[in-house]
Amino acid sequence: MTTSTVPAVEATITARVASFRDPLYAAAQIGLPCPPPSTVGGALAAAVGGWAQMPVHTRFAMAFTTAGQGVDLETYHPLDAHGRRTTPTPKERGFLFDVVLTVWLLDDLALWRAALRRPVWPLRLGRSQDLADARTRMVTLHPGPGRQQHAIVPAEVSTAGSLLRLPATISIDRDRHTWNSYRYDPTGRANTVPSDWTTDDGQAIVPLHRVHPDTIATPGAAL
């Protein structure tokens, strides 16, 4: 078992408003309580200038909080079966406000610290108009299990919170997806989960599966 500490980049990404549509519901605008790993991966790719500049081996741990939620109306422009535009349709859209996404990166620290300080492309969470802001700091992680709290973790390491089926990776052409099961507890209960690392205050750091599109470029590619 590892007994020494390791450095990590801790990125705090904030947005006034964000919404994350559940892609399992094609005909309805159902919102997720937290961002999917694929969304966070896309934000990190934007920071470094695109997927070509993002290391394929990139993994991260993440936690998410929000001050509340609401519903508004948004105009959608659906396509018909032949890809032609149809009549614009107003639909209710759920949204979250005052969101805080915390991401921990354990590899390529210099790259991520520089990229998140000065992103190549604007950071967004969810929709393209929902701009986000990032602040980074170097932290020291300690070996051992920690508390799940508001972390999004693989389903196999916890039974607390909601069980979510979320997209982890999306191919560049958007034709192929990988999905994984996760647990997210918005109440932030302090249950202990197995993890290799924890923060100074006992937050469990559980890296998720890789999100780079190149991991699904070939059918059956390992995550």
Protein backbone atom coordinates (compact mmCIF):
# COMPACT_ATOMS: atom_id res chain seq x y z
CA MET A 1 0.00 0.00 0.00
CA THR A 2 1.19 3.50 -0.81
CA THR A 3 2.40 5.35 2.26
CA SER A 4 3.71 8.62 0.81
CA THR A 5 1.84 11.75 -0.21
CA VAL A 6 1.45 12.96 -3.81
CA PRO A 7 0.91 16.42 -5.31
CA ALA A 8 -2.19 17.22 -7.35
CA VAL A 9 -3.84 20.12 -9.13
CA GLU A 10 -7.18 21.05 -7.55
CA ALA A 11 -9.34 23.07 -9.95
CA THR A 12 -12.45 24.84 -8.68
CA ILE A 13 -14.78 25.61 -11.59
CA THR A 14 -17.78 27.84 -10.88
CA ALA A 15 -20.78 29.00 -12.92
CA ARG A 16 -23.84 31.03 -12.10
CA VAL A 17 -26.14 28.76 -14.13
CA ALA A 18 -25.64 25.32 -15.66
CA SER A 19 -27.80 22.52 -17.00
CA PHE A 20 -26.89 18.98 -17.94
CA ARG A 21 -29.40 17.18 -20.16
CA ASP A 22 -29.77 13.46 -19.63
CA PRO A 23 -29.03 11.95 -23.09
CA LEU A 24 -31.01 8.83 -22.20
CA TYR A 25 -34.19 10.86 -22.86
CA ALA A 26 -34.21 11.96 -26.50
CA ALA A 27 -37.73 13.42 -26.57
CA ALA A 28 -37.68 15.22 -23.21
CA GLN A 29 -35.42 17.74 -21.54
CA ILE A 30 -34.58 15.82 -18.37
CA GLY A 31 -31.82 17.39 -16.31
CA LEU A 32 -29.05 15.60 -14.44
CA PRO A 33 -28.11 16.57 -10.85
CA CYS A 34 -24.41 16.75 -11.76
CA PRO A 35 -22.25 16.96 -14.88
CA PRO A 36 -21.38 13.69 -16.65
CA PRO A 37 -17.67 12.82 -16.83
CA SER A 38 -17.83 13.40 -20.62
CA THR A 39 -18.88 17.02 -20.00
CA VAL A 40 -16.00 17.62 -17.60
CA GLY A 41 -13.62 15.97 -20.02
CA GLY A 42 -14.82 18.32 -22.75
CA ALA A 43 -14.19 21.34 -20.53
CA LEU A 44 -10.65 20.14 -19.81
CA ALA A 45 -10.06 19.57 -23.53
CA ALA A 46 -11.22 23.12 -24.26
CA ALA A 47 -8.75 24.45 -21.70
CA VAL A 48 -5.76 22.83 -23.43
CA GLY A 49 -6.93 23.68 -26.95
CA GLY A 50 -8.73 20.52 -28.05
CA TRP A 51 -8.60 16.76 -27.75
CA ALA A 52 -5.38 16.59 -29.80
CA GLN A 53 -3.59 18.52 -27.05
CA MET A 54 -5.09 16.54 -24.16
CA PRO A 55 -3.13 13.49 -22.95
CA VAL A 56 -5.05 10.31 -23.75
CA HIS A 57 -4.25 8.89 -20.30
CA THR A 58 -5.94 11.80 -18.48
CA ARG A 59 -8.09 10.78 -15.53
CA PHE A 60 -9.61 12.94 -12.83
CA ALA A 61 -11.67 12.82 -9.66
CA MET A 62 -14.51 15.28 -9.19
CA ALA A 63 -17.07 16.63 -6.74
CA PHE A 64 -20.06 18.89 -7.39
CA THR A 65 -22.35 21.18 -5.42
CA THR A 66 -25.14 23.57 -6.33
CA ALA A 67 -27.08 26.20 -4.37
CA GLY A 68 -30.41 25.18 -5.88
CA GLN A 69 -32.40 24.48 -9.01
CA GLY A 70 -35.15 26.01 -11.10
CA VAL A 71 -37.09 25.71 -14.35
CA ASP A 72 -37.28 28.12 -17.25
CA LEU A 73 -38.37 28.03 -20.90
CA GLU A 74 -35.99 27.59 -23.81
CA THR A 75 -36.71 27.51 -27.54
CA TYR A 76 -35.57 24.33 -29.27
CA HIS A 77 -35.13 23.85 -33.00
CA PRO A 78 -35.85 20.15 -33.59
CA LEU A 79 -34.99 18.32 -36.83
CA ASP A 80 -37.27 15.90 -38.61
CA ALA A 81 -36.36 12.36 -39.62
CA HIS A 82 -34.53 13.69 -42.69
CA GLY A 83 -32.50 16.28 -40.79
CA ARG A 84 -34.62 19.24 -41.89
CA ARG A 85 -35.57 22.01 -39.51
CA THR A 86 -39.09 22.06 -38.11
CA THR A 87 -41.10 24.62 -36.20
CA PRO A 88 -39.23 26.01 -33.14
CA THR A 89 -40.66 24.57 -29.94
CA PRO A 90 -40.57 26.12 -26.44
CA LYS A 91 -39.89 23.57 -23.71
CA GLU A 92 -39.25 23.67 -20.01
CA ARG A 93 -35.62 23.33 -19.07
CA GLY A 94 -34.34 22.52 -15.63
CA PHE A 95 -31.24 24.36 -14.50
CA LEU A 96 -28.90 24.55 -11.52
CA PHE A 97 -27.50 27.78 -10.11
CA ASP A 98 -24.35 28.78 -8.27
CA VAL A 99 -22.64 25.52 -9.16
CA VAL A 100 -19.18 24.52 -7.98
CA LEU A 101 -17.29 21.72 -9.70
CA THR A 102 -14.04 20.59 -8.07
CA VAL A 103 -11.65 18.53 -10.19
CA TRP A 104 -8.47 16.82 -8.99
CA LEU A 105 -5.75 15.93 -11.53
CA LEU A 106 -2.79 13.79 -10.47
CA ASP A 107 -0.81 13.72 -13.74
CA ASP A 108 0.64 16.37 -16.09
CA LEU A 109 0.39 18.93 -13.31
CA ALA A 110 2.24 21.74 -15.09
CA LEU A 111 0.04 21.32 -18.17
CA TRP A 112 -3.23 21.50 -16.25
CA ARG A 113 -2.19 24.31 -13.98
CA ALA A 114 -1.21 26.47 -16.96
CA ALA A 115 -4.22 25.50 -19.09
CA LEU A 116 -6.82 26.16 -16.40
CA ARG A 117 -5.24 29.49 -15.52
CA ARG A 118 -5.35 30.62 -19.16
CA PRO A 119 -7.72 28.36 -21.15
CA VAL A 120 -7.23 28.24 -24.91
CA TRP A 121 -11.01 28.08 -25.43
CA PRO A 122 -13.66 29.48 -23.06
CA LEU A 123 -14.69 27.13 -20.26
CA ARG A 124 -18.32 26.04 -20.35
CA LEU A 125 -20.44 23.72 -18.24
CA GLY A 126 -23.35 22.10 -20.04
CA ARG A 127 -24.77 24.43 -22.68
CA SER A 128 -22.48 26.52 -24.86
CA GLN A 129 -23.78 29.78 -23.34
CA ASP A 130 -23.11 28.72 -19.73
CA LEU A 131 -19.64 30.15 -19.22
CA ALA A 132 -17.58 29.03 -16.24
CA ASP A 133 -14.58 30.31 -14.32
CA ALA A 134 -11.66 28.24 -12.99
CA ARG A 135 -9.24 28.70 -10.11
CA THR A 136 -6.42 26.27 -9.38
CA ARG A 137 -4.10 25.46 -6.53
CA MET A 138 -1.58 22.78 -5.73
CA VAL A 139 -2.63 20.38 -2.99
CA THR A 140 -1.08 17.39 -1.24
CA LEU A 141 -3.02 14.14 -1.22
CA HIS A 142 -2.64 11.56 1.52
CA PRO A 143 -2.93 7.77 1.15
CA GLY A 144 -5.96 5.93 2.45
CA PRO A 145 -9.78 5.89 2.30
CA GLY A 146 -11.82 9.07 2.69
CA ARG A 147 -15.37 10.44 2.75
CA GLN A 148 -17.51 10.46 -0.38
CA GLN A 149 -19.34 13.70 0.46
CA HIS A 150 -20.23 15.44 -2.86
CA ALA A 151 -17.92 13.38 -5.06
CA ILE A 152 -19.13 11.55 -8.17
CA VAL A 153 -17.67 8.06 -7.79
CA PRO A 154 -17.87 4.76 -9.71
CA ALA A 155 -20.91 2.79 -8.56
CA GLU A 156 -18.81 -0.14 -7.42
CA VAL A 157 -17.17 1.83 -4.61
CA SER A 158 -20.31 3.19 -2.90
CA THR A 159 -23.98 2.58 -2.20
CA ALA A 160 -24.74 6.14 -1.05
CA GLY A 161 -26.66 8.62 -3.14
CA SER A 162 -28.37 8.30 -6.51
CA LEU A 163 -27.30 5.65 -8.99
CA LEU A 164 -26.68 7.39 -12.32
CA ARG A 165 -25.92 6.01 -15.76
CA LEU A 166 -23.76 8.70 -17.38
CA PRO A 167 -21.77 9.09 -20.60
CA ALA A 168 -18.06 8.80 -19.91
CA THR A 169 -16.59 9.10 -23.40
CA ILE A 170 -17.95 10.38 -26.72
CA SER A 171 -16.17 9.77 -30.01
CA ILE A 172 -15.11 12.76 -32.10
CA ASP A 173 -17.83 12.02 -34.68
CA ARG A 174 -20.32 11.56 -31.80
CA ASP A 175 -21.41 8.19 -33.21
CA ARG A 176 -20.13 6.12 -30.29
CA HIS A 177 -20.40 6.53 -26.54
CA THR A 178 -19.20 4.69 -23.50
CA TRP A 179 -21.46 4.68 -20.46
CA ASN A 180 -20.63 3.90 -16.85
CA SER A 181 -22.56 3.75 -13.60
CA TYR A 182 -21.81 6.30 -10.88
CA ARG A 183 -23.02 7.34 -7.45
CA TYR A 184 -23.68 10.94 -6.51
CA ASP A 185 -25.05 12.11 -3.17
CA PRO A 186 -26.12 15.79 -3.30
CA THR A 187 -26.56 15.82 0.50
CA GLY A 188 -22.84 15.30 0.95
CA ARG A 189 -23.12 12.72 3.70
CA ALA A 190 -19.75 11.79 5.18
CA ASN A 191 -19.75 8.07 4.45
CA THR A 192 -16.32 6.47 4.00
CA VAL A 193 -15.47 4.91 0.64
CA PRO A 194 -12.38 3.03 -0.54
CA SER A 195 -9.92 5.37 -2.23
CA ASP A 196 -6.19 5.57 -2.78
CA TRP A 197 -6.01 9.23 -1.79
CA THR A 198 -7.68 11.87 0.38
CA THR A 199 -7.39 15.63 0.76
CA ASP A 200 -6.30 17.37 3.96
CA ASP A 201 -9.94 17.53 5.08
CA GLY A 202 -10.68 13.85 4.34
CA GLN A 203 -12.35 14.12 0.92
CA ALA A 204 -11.95 10.83 -0.96
CA ILE A 205 -10.16 11.18 -4.29
CA VAL A 206 -11.42 8.47 -6.65
CA PRO A 207 -10.19 8.93 -10.25
CA LEU A 208 -12.86 8.09 -12.84
CA HIS A 209 -12.46 6.24 -16.13
CA ARG A 210 -10.56 7.89 -18.95
CA VAL A 211 -12.66 10.25 -21.08
CA HIS A 212 -10.49 10.89 -24.14
CA PRO A 213 -12.25 9.98 -27.43
CA ASP A 214 -9.21 8.01 -28.53
CA THR A 215 -10.05 5.39 -25.91
CA ILE A 216 -13.03 4.35 -28.05
CA ALA A 217 -11.47 4.95 -31.46
CA THR A 218 -11.21 1.17 -31.83
CA PRO A 219 -14.13 -1.09 -30.79
CA GLY A 220 -13.25 -2.80 -27.53
CA ALA A 221 -10.54 -0.31 -26.57
CA ALA A 222 -9.77 -0.42 -22.86
CA LEU A 223 -10.79 2.42 -20.59
